[in-house]
Amino acid sequence: QVQLVESGGGLAQPGGSLRLSCAASGSINRINVMGWYRQAPGKQRELVAYCTRGDCANYADSVKGRFTISRDNGKNTVFLQMNSLKPDDTADYYCNARAGVYGGVMDFWGQGTQVTVSA
């Protein structure tokens, strides 16, 4: 099992910045992919950015050039730096870890953190 604890989020003005953190614990050695999804009201959950075991360079087109995902392996933590925020970035953001367990693959989720971009 993998446990994910998120922090960060809140209210930002358009053009502003926020930083999200996600700390993983438990069977962290089984994690193959770790990243962030978001879900806006009335919309489906969508992938924002993710890190594989090899790199942290995978982004949705809508956030490329504005968001940066990074990780601190020593602290088992993934960060999402969000710059040049837009009102369309308003959503609940969820940390995700995909791990190999029980001979298959399982997704684990954080509790979600709200990001609101408004003047």
N, C-alpha and C. Protein backbone atom coordinates (compact mmCIF):
# COMPACT_ATOMS: atom_id res chain seq x y z
N GLN A 1 0.83 -1.19 0.00
CA GLN A 1 0.00 0.00 0.00
C GLN A 1 0.87 1.24 0.00
N VAL A 2 0.33 2.28 -0.59
CA VAL A 2 1.01 3.57 -0.64
C VAL A 2 0.08 4.64 -0.07
N GLN A 3 0.61 5.46 0.79
CA GLN A 3 -0.16 6.57 1.35
C GLN A 3 0.41 7.88 0.80
N LEU A 4 -0.48 8.79 0.43
CA LEU A 4 -0.09 10.07 -0.15
C LEU A 4 -0.70 11.20 0.66
N VAL A 5 0.12 12.15 1.04
CA VAL A 5 -0.35 13.31 1.80
C VAL A 5 0.02 14.56 1.04
N GLU A 6 -0.99 15.34 0.69
CA GLU A 6 -0.78 16.55 -0.10
C GLU A 6 -0.78 17.77 0.81
N SER A 7 -0.11 18.80 0.34
CA SER A 7 -0.16 20.10 1.00
C SER A 7 0.02 21.18 -0.06
N GLY A 8 -0.30 22.39 0.33
CA GLY A 8 -0.25 23.50 -0.61
C GLY A 8 -1.65 23.81 -1.13
N GLY A 9 -1.71 24.51 -2.21
CA GLY A 9 -3.01 24.91 -2.74
C GLY A 9 -3.50 26.18 -2.08
N GLY A 10 -4.72 26.56 -2.43
CA GLY A 10 -5.29 27.78 -1.87
C GLY A 10 -5.77 28.72 -2.96
N LEU A 11 -5.74 29.99 -2.64
CA LEU A 11 -6.25 31.02 -3.54
C LEU A 11 -5.09 31.81 -4.14
N ALA A 12 -5.14 32.03 -5.43
CA ALA A 12 -4.14 32.84 -6.11
C ALA A 12 -4.83 33.74 -7.12
N GLN A 13 -4.20 34.85 -7.40
CA GLN A 13 -4.71 35.75 -8.45
C GLN A 13 -4.22 35.28 -9.81
N PRO A 14 -4.94 35.62 -10.86
CA PRO A 14 -4.43 35.30 -12.19
C PRO A 14 -3.02 35.86 -12.38
N GLY A 15 -2.16 35.01 -12.93
CA GLY A 15 -0.75 35.37 -13.08
C GLY A 15 0.10 35.02 -11.89
N GLY A 16 -0.53 34.60 -10.82
CA GLY A 16 0.20 34.26 -9.61
C GLY A 16 0.75 32.85 -9.62
N SER A 17 1.27 32.44 -8.47
CA SER A 17 1.91 31.13 -8.34
C SER A 17 1.45 30.42 -7.08
N LEU A 18 1.47 29.11 -7.17
CA LEU A 18 1.24 28.24 -6.02
C LEU A 18 2.13 27.01 -6.16
N ARG A 19 2.38 26.37 -5.02
CA ARG A 19 3.19 25.15 -5.03
C ARG A 19 2.48 24.07 -4.25
N LEU A 20 2.37 22.91 -4.88
CA LEU A 20 1.77 21.75 -4.23
C LEU A 20 2.87 20.74 -3.89
N SER A 21 2.66 20.04 -2.79
CA SER A 21 3.59 18.98 -2.39
C SER A 21 2.81 17.71 -2.13
N CYS A 22 3.44 16.58 -2.39
CA CYS A 22 2.83 15.28 -2.14
C CYS A 22 3.90 14.35 -1.57
N ALA A 23 3.71 13.94 -0.34
CA ALA A 23 4.65 13.05 0.32
C ALA A 23 4.10 11.63 0.32
N ALA A 24 4.92 10.70 -0.14
CA ALA A 24 4.52 9.30 -0.22
C ALA A 24 5.15 8.51 0.93
N SER A 25 4.40 7.53 1.40
CA SER A 25 4.92 6.61 2.41
C SER A 25 4.35 5.22 2.15
N GLY A 26 4.88 4.24 2.84
CA GLY A 26 4.43 2.86 2.63
C GLY A 26 5.35 2.17 1.64
N SER A 27 4.78 1.48 0.67
CA SER A 27 5.56 0.70 -0.29
C SER A 27 6.09 1.58 -1.42
N ILE A 28 6.91 2.54 -1.06
CA ILE A 28 7.36 3.53 -2.04
C ILE A 28 8.26 2.91 -3.10
N ASN A 29 8.93 1.81 -2.76
CA ASN A 29 9.81 1.19 -3.74
C ASN A 29 9.04 0.55 -4.88
N ARG A 30 7.73 0.42 -4.71
CA ARG A 30 6.89 -0.17 -5.77
C ARG A 30 6.31 0.88 -6.71
N ILE A 31 6.53 2.16 -6.41
CA ILE A 31 5.96 3.22 -7.23
C ILE A 31 6.73 3.35 -8.54
N ASN A 32 6.00 3.31 -9.65
CA ASN A 32 6.61 3.47 -10.96
C ASN A 32 6.36 4.86 -11.55
N VAL A 33 5.20 5.42 -11.23
CA VAL A 33 4.82 6.73 -11.75
C VAL A 33 4.18 7.51 -10.61
N MET A 34 4.48 8.79 -10.55
CA MET A 34 3.88 9.63 -9.52
C MET A 34 3.63 11.01 -10.12
N GLY A 35 2.44 11.53 -9.89
CA GLY A 35 2.13 12.81 -10.51
C GLY A 35 0.87 13.44 -9.97
N TRP A 36 0.34 14.36 -10.76
CA TRP A 36 -0.82 15.15 -10.35
C TRP A 36 -1.92 15.10 -11.40
N TYR A 37 -3.14 14.99 -10.91
CA TYR A 37 -4.34 15.14 -11.71
C TYR A 37 -5.13 16.31 -11.14
N ARG A 38 -6.10 16.77 -11.91
CA ARG A 38 -7.00 17.79 -11.39
C ARG A 38 -8.41 17.55 -11.92
N GLN A 39 -9.37 18.06 -11.16
CA GLN A 39 -10.77 17.93 -11.55
C GLN A 39 -11.49 19.22 -11.23
N ALA A 40 -11.95 19.87 -12.28
CA ALA A 40 -12.73 21.09 -12.13
C ALA A 40 -14.20 20.73 -11.97
N PRO A 41 -14.99 21.61 -11.37
CA PRO A 41 -16.42 21.32 -11.18
C PRO A 41 -17.10 21.00 -12.51
N GLY A 42 -17.80 19.87 -12.53
CA GLY A 42 -18.53 19.48 -13.72
C GLY A 42 -17.70 18.88 -14.82
N LYS A 43 -16.41 18.68 -14.55
CA LYS A 43 -15.52 18.13 -15.59
C LYS A 43 -14.88 16.84 -15.11
N GLN A 44 -14.34 16.09 -16.06
CA GLN A 44 -13.65 14.85 -15.72
C GLN A 44 -12.26 15.14 -15.16
N ARG A 45 -11.78 14.20 -14.37
CA ARG A 45 -10.43 14.33 -13.85
C ARG A 45 -9.44 14.22 -15.02
N GLU A 46 -8.43 15.09 -15.02
CA GLU A 46 -7.45 15.08 -16.11
C GLU A 46 -6.03 15.06 -15.56
N LEU A 47 -5.15 14.47 -16.34
CA LEU A 47 -3.75 14.41 -15.97
C LEU A 47 -3.11 15.78 -16.15
N VAL A 48 -2.31 16.18 -15.18
CA VAL A 48 -1.61 17.46 -15.25
C VAL A 48 -0.13 17.26 -15.57
N ALA A 49 0.54 16.45 -14.78
CA ALA A 49 1.97 16.22 -14.97
C ALA A 49 2.36 14.98 -14.17
N TYR A 50 3.44 14.32 -14.62
CA TYR A 50 3.88 13.15 -13.86
C TYR A 50 5.36 12.89 -14.04
N CYS A 51 5.89 12.16 -13.06
CA CYS A 51 7.27 11.69 -13.07
C CYS A 51 7.26 10.17 -13.22
N THR A 52 8.13 9.67 -14.06
CA THR A 52 8.38 8.23 -14.11
C THR A 52 9.62 7.95 -13.27
N ARG A 53 10.03 6.70 -13.25
CA ARG A 53 11.28 6.40 -12.55
C ARG A 53 12.46 7.13 -13.20
N GLY A 54 12.32 7.43 -14.51
CA GLY A 54 13.43 8.02 -15.24
C GLY A 54 13.46 9.53 -15.26
N ASP A 55 12.30 10.16 -15.35
CA ASP A 55 12.32 11.62 -15.49
C ASP A 55 11.04 12.25 -14.99
N CYS A 56 11.08 13.56 -14.88
CA CYS A 56 9.92 14.37 -14.52
C CYS A 56 9.74 15.40 -15.63
N ALA A 57 9.19 14.96 -16.73
CA ALA A 57 9.12 15.85 -17.90
C ALA A 57 7.86 15.60 -18.71
N ASN A 58 6.79 15.25 -18.04
CA ASN A 58 5.57 14.89 -18.73
C ASN A 58 4.43 15.81 -18.29
N TYR A 59 3.89 16.55 -19.26
CA TYR A 59 2.91 17.58 -18.94
C TYR A 59 1.73 17.55 -19.90
N ALA A 60 0.57 17.94 -19.39
CA ALA A 60 -0.57 18.21 -20.26
C ALA A 60 -0.26 19.47 -21.07
N ASP A 61 -0.76 19.53 -22.28
CA ASP A 61 -0.50 20.69 -23.14
C ASP A 61 -0.96 21.99 -22.47
N SER A 62 -2.02 21.91 -21.70
CA SER A 62 -2.60 23.11 -21.11
C SER A 62 -1.70 23.75 -20.04
N VAL A 63 -0.73 23.01 -19.54
CA VAL A 63 0.12 23.56 -18.47
C VAL A 63 1.58 23.66 -18.87
N LYS A 64 1.94 23.20 -20.04
CA LYS A 64 3.33 23.25 -20.48
C LYS A 64 3.84 24.68 -20.47
N GLY A 65 5.04 24.84 -19.94
CA GLY A 65 5.64 26.16 -19.87
C GLY A 65 5.22 26.98 -18.66
N ARG A 66 4.21 26.51 -17.94
CA ARG A 66 3.73 27.23 -16.76
C ARG A 66 3.92 26.42 -15.48
N PHE A 67 3.74 25.13 -15.56
CA PHE A 67 3.86 24.26 -14.40
C PHE A 67 5.15 23.45 -14.50
N THR A 68 5.72 23.16 -13.35
CA THR A 68 6.92 22.34 -13.29
C THR A 68 6.75 21.28 -12.21
N ILE A 69 6.92 20.03 -12.60
CA ILE A 69 6.87 18.94 -11.63
C ILE A 69 8.30 18.53 -11.29
N SER A 70 8.54 18.27 -10.03
CA SER A 70 9.88 17.85 -9.60
C SER A 70 9.72 16.90 -8.41
N ARG A 71 10.83 16.30 -8.01
CA ARG A 71 10.75 15.36 -6.89
C ARG A 71 12.01 15.44 -6.05
N ASP A 72 11.82 15.09 -4.81
CA ASP A 72 12.92 14.95 -3.87
C ASP A 72 12.92 13.49 -3.44
N ASN A 73 13.81 12.72 -4.03
CA ASN A 73 13.80 11.28 -3.75
C ASN A 73 14.10 10.98 -2.29
N GLY A 74 14.92 11.80 -1.69
CA GLY A 74 15.27 11.57 -0.29
C GLY A 74 14.08 11.72 0.64
N LYS A 75 13.13 12.56 0.24
CA LYS A 75 11.96 12.80 1.07
C LYS A 75 10.71 12.14 0.49
N ASN A 76 10.89 11.38 -0.60
CA ASN A 76 9.76 10.69 -1.25
C ASN A 76 8.62 11.67 -1.54
N THR A 77 8.99 12.81 -2.04
CA THR A 77 8.01 13.88 -2.24
C THR A 77 8.06 14.38 -3.68
N VAL A 78 6.88 14.65 -4.21
CA VAL A 78 6.76 15.25 -5.53
C VAL A 78 6.14 16.63 -5.37
N PHE A 79 6.65 17.58 -6.14
CA PHE A 79 6.18 18.95 -6.07
C PHE A 79 5.57 19.36 -7.42
N LEU A 80 4.63 20.27 -7.36
CA LEU A 80 4.09 20.88 -8.56
C LEU A 80 4.13 22.39 -8.37
N GLN A 81 5.06 23.03 -9.07
CA GLN A 81 5.16 24.48 -9.05
C GLN A 81 4.29 25.03 -10.16
N MET A 82 3.33 25.84 -9.79
CA MET A 82 2.36 26.37 -10.76
C MET A 82 2.55 27.87 -10.87
N ASN A 83 3.00 28.31 -12.03
CA ASN A 83 3.20 29.73 -12.31
C ASN A 83 2.23 30.21 -13.38
N SER A 84 2.13 31.51 -13.50
CA SER A 84 1.24 32.11 -14.50
C SER A 84 -0.14 31.48 -14.47
N LEU A 85 -0.68 31.39 -13.28
CA LEU A 85 -1.96 30.71 -13.11
C LEU A 85 -3.08 31.44 -13.82
N LYS A 86 -4.02 30.65 -14.31
CA LYS A 86 -5.19 31.16 -15.02
C LYS A 86 -6.45 30.71 -14.28
N PRO A 87 -7.56 31.43 -14.46
CA PRO A 87 -8.81 30.96 -13.84
C PRO A 87 -9.17 29.53 -14.25
N ASP A 88 -8.79 29.12 -15.46
CA ASP A 88 -9.07 27.74 -15.90
C ASP A 88 -8.29 26.69 -15.12
N ASP A 89 -7.30 27.11 -14.36
CA ASP A 89 -6.55 26.17 -13.52
C ASP A 89 -7.29 25.86 -12.22
N THR A 90 -8.37 26.54 -11.97
CA THR A 90 -9.15 26.29 -10.77
C THR A 90 -9.70 24.87 -10.78
N ALA A 91 -9.37 24.11 -9.74
CA ALA A 91 -9.78 22.71 -9.67
C ALA A 91 -9.32 22.12 -8.34
N ASP A 92 -9.80 20.92 -8.08
CA ASP A 92 -9.22 20.11 -7.00
C ASP A 92 -8.07 19.32 -7.61
N TYR A 93 -6.92 19.41 -6.98
CA TYR A 93 -5.72 18.73 -7.47
C TYR A 93 -5.45 17.50 -6.62
N TYR A 94 -5.20 16.38 -7.30
CA TYR A 94 -5.00 15.10 -6.63
C TYR A 94 -3.62 14.53 -6.97
N CYS A 95 -2.92 14.12 -5.95
CA CYS A 95 -1.67 13.40 -6.15
C CYS A 95 -1.98 11.94 -6.46
N ASN A 96 -1.23 11.37 -7.37
CA ASN A 96 -1.43 9.98 -7.78
C ASN A 96 -0.12 9.23 -7.78
N ALA A 97 -0.16 8.00 -7.32
CA ALA A 97 0.99 7.11 -7.43
C ALA A 97 0.52 5.80 -8.04
N ARG A 98 1.22 5.35 -9.07
CA ARG A 98 0.91 4.08 -9.70
C ARG A 98 2.01 3.09 -9.30
N ALA A 99 1.60 2.01 -8.67
CA ALA A 99 2.57 1.08 -8.12
C ALA A 99 2.27 -0.33 -8.57
N GLY A 100 3.32 -1.12 -8.64
CA GLY A 100 3.17 -2.52 -8.95
C GLY A 100 2.89 -3.30 -7.67
N VAL A 101 1.69 -3.85 -7.56
CA VAL A 101 1.31 -4.60 -6.37
C VAL A 101 0.49 -5.81 -6.79
N TYR A 102 0.61 -6.88 -6.00
CA TYR A 102 -0.18 -8.10 -6.20
C TYR A 102 -0.09 -8.61 -7.64
N GLY A 103 1.07 -8.46 -8.26
CA GLY A 103 1.26 -8.94 -9.62
C GLY A 103 0.65 -8.06 -10.68
N GLY A 104 0.06 -6.96 -10.27
CA GLY A 104 -0.53 -6.05 -11.24
C GLY A 104 -0.15 -4.61 -10.95
N VAL A 105 -1.01 -3.69 -11.32
CA VAL A 105 -0.76 -2.27 -11.12
C VAL A 105 -1.94 -1.67 -10.38
N MET A 106 -1.66 -0.78 -9.44
CA MET A 106 -2.73 -0.17 -8.67
C MET A 106 -2.46 1.33 -8.55
N ASP A 107 -3.52 2.11 -8.63
CA ASP A 107 -3.43 3.55 -8.44
C ASP A 107 -3.78 3.91 -7.00
N PHE A 108 -3.00 4.80 -6.43
CA PHE A 108 -3.25 5.34 -5.10
C PHE A 108 -3.43 6.84 -5.23
N TRP A 109 -4.32 7.40 -4.40
CA TRP A 109 -4.67 8.80 -4.51
C TRP A 109 -4.53 9.53 -3.19
N GLY A 110 -4.15 10.80 -3.28
CA GLY A 110 -4.20 11.66 -2.11
C GLY A 110 -5.63 12.15 -1.90
N GLN A 111 -5.80 12.95 -0.85
CA GLN A 111 -7.14 13.40 -0.48
C GLN A 111 -7.61 14.57 -1.33
N GLY A 112 -6.70 15.18 -2.05
CA GLY A 112 -7.07 16.31 -2.89
C GLY A 112 -6.83 17.63 -2.18
N THR A 113 -6.44 18.63 -2.95
CA THR A 113 -6.26 19.97 -2.40
C THR A 113 -6.85 20.97 -3.42
N GLN A 114 -7.52 21.96 -2.90
CA GLN A 114 -8.24 22.89 -3.78
C GLN A 114 -7.33 24.04 -4.21
N VAL A 115 -7.41 24.34 -5.49
CA VAL A 115 -6.71 25.50 -6.05
C VAL A 115 -7.76 26.39 -6.71
N THR A 116 -7.79 27.64 -6.28
CA THR A 116 -8.72 28.60 -6.84
C THR A 116 -7.93 29.79 -7.39
N VAL A 117 -8.16 30.10 -8.65
CA VAL A 117 -7.49 31.23 -9.28
C VAL A 117 -8.55 32.26 -9.64
N SER A 118 -8.50 33.37 -8.93
CA SER A 118 -9.54 34.39 -9.09
C SER A 118 -9.01 35.74 -8.66
N ALA A 119 -9.50 36.77 -9.35
CA ALA A 119 -9.14 38.13 -8.96
C ALA A 119 -10.00 38.59 -7.79
